[in-house]
Protein backbone atom coordinates (compact mmCIF):
# COMPACT_ATOMS: atom_id res chain seq x y z
CA MET A 1 0.39 14.70 104.38
CA LYS A 2 0.06 16.43 101.04
CA THR A 3 -0.63 20.16 101.20
CA PRO A 4 -3.71 21.39 99.36
CA PRO A 5 -3.09 23.42 96.22
CA ILE A 6 -3.85 27.10 95.94
CA PRO A 7 -7.54 27.51 95.05
CA HIS A 8 -8.32 28.37 91.43
CA VAL A 9 -10.18 31.51 92.50
CA VAL A 10 -6.99 32.87 94.08
CA ARG A 11 -5.01 32.14 90.92
CA TRP A 12 -7.66 33.85 88.83
CA PHE A 13 -7.68 36.98 91.02
CA LEU A 14 -3.89 37.24 91.01
CA ILE A 15 -3.75 36.95 87.24
CA LEU A 16 -6.62 39.40 86.82
CA LEU A 17 -5.25 42.05 89.18
CA SER A 18 -1.57 41.95 88.25
CA ARG A 19 0.26 43.31 85.24
CA PRO A 20 1.13 40.93 82.41
CA GLY A 21 4.32 39.05 83.18
CA VAL A 22 4.12 39.73 86.92
CA SER A 23 1.41 37.22 87.80
CA HIS A 24 3.70 34.25 87.08
CA GLY A 25 6.23 35.48 89.64
CA LEU A 26 3.54 36.22 92.21
CA LEU A 27 1.99 32.79 91.82
CA GLY A 28 5.39 31.16 92.16
CA ASP A 29 6.15 33.04 95.37
CA ILE A 30 2.76 32.23 96.86
CA GLU A 31 3.02 28.57 95.83
CA GLU A 32 6.33 28.37 97.72
CA GLU A 33 5.06 30.13 100.86
CA TYR A 34 1.62 28.53 101.15
CA PRO A 35 2.76 24.99 102.13
CA LEU A 36 5.23 26.43 104.63
CA ILE A 37 2.53 28.54 106.25
CA ILE A 38 0.19 25.54 106.41
CA LYS A 39 2.85 23.56 108.27
CA GLU A 40 3.65 26.42 110.65
CA ILE A 41 0.24 27.80 111.61
CA GLY A 42 -2.40 25.51 110.09
CA ILE A 43 -4.70 25.44 107.11
CA VAL A 44 -7.31 27.94 108.33
CA ARG A 45 -4.79 30.66 109.09
CA ALA A 46 -2.94 29.86 105.87
CA LYS A 47 -6.14 30.46 103.92
CA LEU A 48 -6.58 33.76 105.73
CA TRP A 49 -3.01 34.69 104.78
CA LEU A 50 -3.78 33.75 101.19
CA ALA A 51 -6.87 35.96 101.17
CA SER A 52 -4.81 38.83 102.56
CA GLN A 53 -2.40 38.46 99.65
CA ILE A 54 -5.28 39.49 97.39
CA VAL A 55 -7.15 41.97 99.59
CA ASN A 56 -4.17 44.07 100.76
CA PRO A 57 -2.91 45.02 97.29
CA VAL A 58 -6.45 45.71 96.08
CA LEU A 59 -7.08 48.08 99.00
CA PHE A 60 -3.70 49.74 98.52
CA PHE A 61 -3.96 50.33 94.77
CA TYR A 62 -7.68 50.80 94.29
CA GLY A 63 -8.78 52.15 97.68
């Protein structure tokens, strides 16, 4: 079974919220982890993990 790609909205947020040059590394790390998390705990929890990868830094830096 092919794993679904990272949603475009997530890519957009990561690029928008990160410094120039850092977003590429972040996207690469998340693209590596996301399929592994889907296989381990399922798609719904993987999407929640993906959302936390955006929300946690925003709350930490801007909250």
